[in-house]
Amino acid sequence: MIPEQPCATPNGALNHAGFVAGDIVLVAAGRYTNTQEENAVVWLAQDAYLSGGWDATFTEQNGTSFLDIQNGWSSVHVLSGVVASMDRFSMRSGSGLQQNIHTADPRTLPLIPPDDRSFGPHQDAGSLVSNNGTFTLTNSHIAGLFGGFGLWNEGTFFLGDSTVEGIYPAGVLNLEAGELTLYRSQVQNNFGICAGINNEGKLVLIASTVSHNSTRYGGYGGGIRNRGSAFLVNSTISDNST
């Protein structure tokens, strides 16, 4: 669809009259914020494949596309029933304290004890990536959010060659209905109640690392808090603290 019909934002392409479910959307390198009613920088209501990091002429993929939620709800939200993939993106929050989290060791940041809102459902707390469908995310960076989750999953989620870091109060929340696979990925330097991964569903780690996550304020499960099923293959859980 792009570059033949270029749009200013990912949502602009997804909402374009010419978009057909299953289309490939090329996204230029740069910073994108939410300007749509959907309250997510990328709102996936139809099957799609988004490829980020392209130059202005869409001839070379040599950069990264940044999705900044600012004070919104999500960088990416995948609706139930949707099958979608994204590659070469960076999801983050660029407002207030969030802007500093991914530029410093989060374990050393002075924190004010959060109120209950920080630990509520994702609709209240916010999440950088929120999935209710079938979603694949590769070669991406999820970082820098205070009062939410890096990944919030209640569907089927594959994360490959990616990093989740600098999130409070949990890097990853996989709910009871969720099936989450991490492949050659890292969950690191997150901090809070369930600092690294809070798993209530099915979790599979393949050649992945969960490290240097730290709980705060009487939390539990510095690395992985597992209340579902977890399978580890050639993976490392190390240097986490409670």
Protein backbone atom coordinates (compact mmCIF):
# COMPACT_ATOMS: atom_id res chain seq x y z
CA MET A 1 0.00 0.00 0.00
CA ILE A 2 2.93 2.30 0.67
CA PRO A 3 4.65 4.05 -1.12
CA GLU A 4 2.02 4.07 -3.87
CA GLN A 5 -0.49 5.61 -1.43
CA PRO A 6 1.63 7.29 1.26
CA CYS A 7 0.04 8.39 4.54
CA ALA A 8 1.38 10.52 7.38
CA THR A 9 0.86 7.92 10.14
CA PRO A 10 0.47 4.13 10.50
CA ASN A 11 -3.17 4.59 11.48
CA GLY A 12 -3.67 6.78 8.44
CA ALA A 13 -2.60 3.87 6.25
CA LEU A 14 -4.67 1.33 8.17
CA ASN A 15 -7.76 3.55 7.91
CA HIS A 16 -7.20 4.44 4.26
CA ALA A 17 -10.01 3.63 1.86
CA GLY A 18 -7.61 1.57 -0.23
CA PHE A 19 -6.43 -0.63 2.63
CA VAL A 20 -7.42 -4.30 2.35
CA ALA A 21 -7.12 -6.72 5.26
CA GLY A 22 -3.80 -8.52 5.03
CA ASP A 23 -2.00 -5.68 3.25
CA ILE A 24 1.69 -4.95 3.86
CA VAL A 25 2.29 -1.43 5.15
CA LEU A 26 5.78 0.07 4.96
CA VAL A 27 6.39 2.65 7.70
CA ALA A 28 9.10 5.27 7.33
CA ALA A 29 11.68 5.73 10.08
CA GLY A 30 10.75 8.52 12.49
CA ARG A 31 8.59 9.28 15.50
CA TYR A 32 4.82 8.75 15.50
CA THR A 33 2.27 9.75 18.12
CA ASN A 34 -1.43 9.11 18.43
CA THR A 35 -3.63 11.50 16.47
CA GLN A 36 -6.64 9.21 16.01
CA GLU A 37 -9.72 8.44 18.09
CA GLU A 38 -8.48 4.88 18.68
CA ASN A 39 -6.11 6.07 21.46
CA ALA A 40 -3.25 3.93 20.15
CA VAL A 41 -0.48 4.92 17.76
CA VAL A 42 -1.14 1.69 15.85
CA TRP A 43 -4.70 0.37 16.16
CA LEU A 44 -4.99 -3.03 14.48
CA ALA A 45 -8.63 -3.82 13.76
CA GLN A 46 -7.85 -5.81 10.58
CA ASP A 47 -5.17 -8.30 9.58
CA ALA A 48 -1.99 -6.46 8.55
CA TYR A 49 1.79 -6.64 8.34
CA LEU A 50 3.66 -3.45 9.30
CA SER A 51 7.32 -3.14 8.38
CA GLY A 52 9.15 -0.23 10.01
CA GLY A 53 12.40 1.63 9.61
CA TRP A 54 12.19 2.55 5.91
CA ASP A 55 13.84 5.61 4.39
CA ALA A 56 11.83 8.43 2.81
CA THR A 57 11.80 6.76 -0.60
CA PHE A 58 10.92 3.31 0.79
CA THR A 59 13.89 1.75 -0.96
CA GLU A 60 16.09 0.95 2.07
CA GLN A 61 15.19 -0.35 5.52
CA ASN A 62 17.97 1.25 7.54
CA GLY A 63 16.29 2.91 10.53
CA THR A 64 13.64 2.46 13.22
CA SER A 65 10.05 3.64 13.52
CA PHE A 66 9.33 5.02 17.01
CA LEU A 67 5.80 4.74 18.42
CA ASP A 68 5.42 7.21 21.30
CA ILE A 69 2.24 6.90 23.39
CA GLN A 70 2.88 10.18 25.25
CA ASN A 71 -0.15 10.23 27.58
CA GLY A 72 -2.21 7.76 25.56
CA TRP A 73 -3.19 4.18 26.22
CA SER A 74 -1.01 2.03 23.94
CA SER A 75 1.61 2.21 21.25
CA VAL A 76 0.02 -0.84 19.64
CA HIS A 77 -3.36 -2.43 20.27
CA VAL A 78 -4.46 -5.62 18.50
CA LEU A 79 -8.16 -6.43 18.56
CA SER A 80 -9.59 -9.91 19.10
CA GLY A 81 -9.72 -11.98 15.92
CA VAL A 82 -7.01 -9.99 14.17
CA VAL A 83 -3.85 -11.67 12.84
CA ALA A 84 -1.06 -9.09 12.60
CA SER A 85 2.72 -8.77 12.46
CA MET A 86 5.11 -5.88 13.03
CA ASP A 87 8.87 -5.66 12.49
CA ARG A 88 11.50 -3.05 13.35
CA PHE A 89 9.66 -0.74 15.75
CA SER A 90 10.47 0.95 19.05
CA MET A 91 7.59 1.44 21.50
CA ARG A 92 7.98 3.89 24.34
CA SER A 93 6.38 6.65 26.36
CA GLY A 94 8.01 10.02 25.87
CA SER A 95 6.31 12.03 28.63
CA GLY A 96 7.53 12.97 32.08
CA LEU A 97 9.40 10.31 34.07
CA GLN A 98 8.95 7.76 31.29
CA GLN A 99 11.42 9.66 29.14
CA ASN A 100 14.17 9.08 31.70
CA ILE A 101 13.58 5.41 32.44
CA HIS A 102 15.24 4.06 29.33
CA THR A 103 18.26 6.36 29.67
CA ALA A 104 19.28 5.23 33.18
CA ASP A 105 19.46 2.08 35.26
CA PRO A 106 15.82 1.80 36.49
CA ARG A 107 16.94 0.00 39.64
CA THR A 108 18.56 3.21 40.86
CA LEU A 109 15.73 5.65 40.11
CA PRO A 110 14.07 7.28 43.16
CA LEU A 111 10.43 6.21 43.14
CA ILE A 112 7.30 7.42 44.87
CA PRO A 113 5.10 4.49 46.01
CA PRO A 114 2.34 4.14 43.40
CA ASP A 115 -1.37 4.24 44.06
CA ASP A 116 -3.76 1.40 43.16
CA ARG A 117 -4.22 2.79 39.66
CA SER A 118 -0.71 1.65 38.75
CA PHE A 119 -1.67 -1.98 39.28
CA GLY A 120 -5.15 -2.00 37.78
CA PRO A 121 -6.21 -3.48 34.45
CA HIS A 122 -4.46 -2.32 31.32
CA GLN A 123 -7.26 0.09 30.49
CA ASP A 124 -6.26 2.10 33.55
CA ALA A 125 -2.52 1.54 33.70
CA GLY A 126 -1.70 1.64 30.02
CA SER A 127 0.57 -0.69 28.08
CA LEU A 128 3.03 -0.20 25.27
CA VAL A 129 1.74 -3.27 23.41
CA SER A 130 -1.73 -4.66 24.13
CA ASN A 131 -2.82 -7.85 22.33
CA ASN A 132 -6.16 -9.62 22.20
CA GLY A 133 -5.60 -11.24 18.81
CA THR A 134 -2.76 -13.19 17.18
CA PHE A 135 0.31 -11.00 17.03
CA THR A 136 3.96 -11.36 15.98
CA LEU A 137 6.47 -8.65 16.92
CA THR A 138 10.11 -8.93 15.82
CA ASN A 139 13.31 -6.88 15.90
CA SER A 140 11.73 -4.34 18.24
CA HIS A 141 12.40 -2.44 21.46
CA ILE A 142 9.76 -1.91 24.16
CA ALA A 143 11.03 0.48 26.82
CA GLY A 144 10.34 3.28 29.26
CA LEU A 145 6.88 3.23 30.87
CA PHE A 146 5.93 4.12 34.45
CA GLY A 147 2.60 2.79 35.72
CA GLY A 148 1.80 0.10 33.14
CA PHE A 149 3.07 -2.92 31.22
CA GLY A 150 5.46 -3.32 28.36
CA LEU A 151 3.49 -6.25 26.92
CA TRP A 152 -0.13 -6.99 27.90
CA ASN A 153 -1.34 -10.25 26.36
CA GLU A 154 -4.69 -12.00 26.37
CA GLY A 155 -4.29 -13.61 22.94
CA THR A 156 -1.49 -15.40 21.09
CA PHE A 157 1.75 -13.43 21.04
CA PHE A 158 5.15 -14.23 19.50
CA LEU A 159 8.03 -11.90 20.41
CA GLY A 160 11.24 -12.47 18.49
CA ASP A 161 14.68 -10.83 18.60
CA SER A 162 13.35 -8.04 20.82
CA THR A 163 13.90 -6.41 24.21
CA VAL A 164 11.50 -5.32 26.97
CA GLU A 165 13.10 -3.02 29.53
CA GLY A 166 12.64 -0.07 31.86
CA ILE A 167 8.97 -0.78 32.68
CA TYR A 168 7.17 -0.26 36.01
CA PRO A 169 5.43 -2.22 37.56
CA ALA A 170 5.96 -5.20 35.16
CA GLY A 171 7.69 -5.77 31.87
CA VAL A 172 5.26 -8.44 30.72
CA LEU A 173 1.75 -9.43 31.80
CA ASN A 174 0.44 -12.65 30.24
CA LEU A 175 -3.12 -13.28 31.37
CA GLU A 176 -4.89 -16.61 31.83
CA ALA A 177 -6.13 -16.77 28.24
CA GLY A 178 -2.76 -15.70 26.87
CA GLU A 179 -0.20 -17.79 25.02
CA LEU A 180 3.13 -15.97 24.90
CA THR A 181 6.35 -17.14 23.21
CA LEU A 182 9.65 -15.29 23.54
CA TYR A 183 12.33 -16.26 21.02
CA ARG A 184 15.85 -14.84 21.25
CA SER A 185 14.49 -11.98 23.32
CA GLN A 186 15.36 -10.20 26.58
CA VAL A 187 13.22 -9.02 29.49
CA GLN A 188 15.58 -6.92 31.58
CA ASN A 189 15.93 -3.96 33.94
CA ASN A 190 12.24 -3.78 34.79
CA PHE A 191 11.07 -2.98 38.31
CA GLY A 192 7.89 -3.15 40.40
CA ILE A 193 5.46 -5.63 41.92
CA CYS A 194 6.09 -8.36 39.30
CA ALA A 195 9.15 -6.86 37.72
CA GLY A 196 10.01 -9.19 34.84
CA ILE A 197 7.18 -11.45 33.68
CA ASN A 198 3.86 -12.01 35.44
CA ASN A 199 2.46 -15.17 33.84
CA GLU A 200 -1.04 -16.49 34.38
CA GLY A 201 -1.38 -18.32 31.06
CA LYS A 202 1.01 -20.29 28.85
CA LEU A 203 4.57 -18.99 28.60
CA VAL A 204 7.36 -20.36 26.37
CA LEU A 205 10.92 -19.01 26.44
CA ILE A 206 13.31 -20.16 23.71
CA ALA A 207 16.91 -18.90 23.70
CA SER A 208 15.79 -15.92 25.76
CA THR A 209 16.97 -14.10 28.88
CA VAL A 210 15.14 -12.69 31.91
CA SER A 211 17.66 -10.72 33.95
CA HIS A 212 18.30 -7.75 36.25
CA ASN A 213 14.64 -7.24 37.11
CA SER A 214 13.93 -5.96 40.61
CA THR A 215 10.74 -5.87 42.70
CA ARG A 216 9.78 -2.89 44.84
CA TYR A 217 7.41 -2.21 47.74
CA GLY A 218 7.02 -5.81 48.93
CA GLY A 219 6.65 -7.24 45.45
CA TYR A 220 7.17 -10.81 44.31
CA GLY A 221 8.61 -12.59 41.31
CA GLY A 222 11.56 -10.41 40.38
CA GLY A 223 12.27 -12.55 37.31
CA ILE A 224 9.15 -14.59 36.59
CA ARG A 225 6.03 -14.90 38.70
CA ASN A 226 4.33 -18.00 37.32
CA ARG A 227 0.72 -18.93 38.07
CA GLY A 228 0.16 -20.72 34.76
CA SER A 229 2.42 -22.99 32.73
CA ALA A 230 5.97 -22.08 31.75
CA PHE A 231 8.40 -23.87 29.43
CA LEU A 232 12.04 -22.84 29.11
CA VAL A 233 14.34 -24.00 26.32
CA ASN A 234 17.99 -22.87 26.28
CA SER A 235 17.03 -19.79 28.26
CA THR A 236 18.58 -17.91 31.18
CA ILE A 237 16.92 -16.51 34.31
CA SER A 238 19.56 -14.63 36.29
CA ASP A 239 20.42 -11.65 38.50
CA ASN A 240 16.82 -10.86 39.41
CA SER A 241 15.97 -9.67 42.92
CA THR A 242 12.99 -9.42 45.25
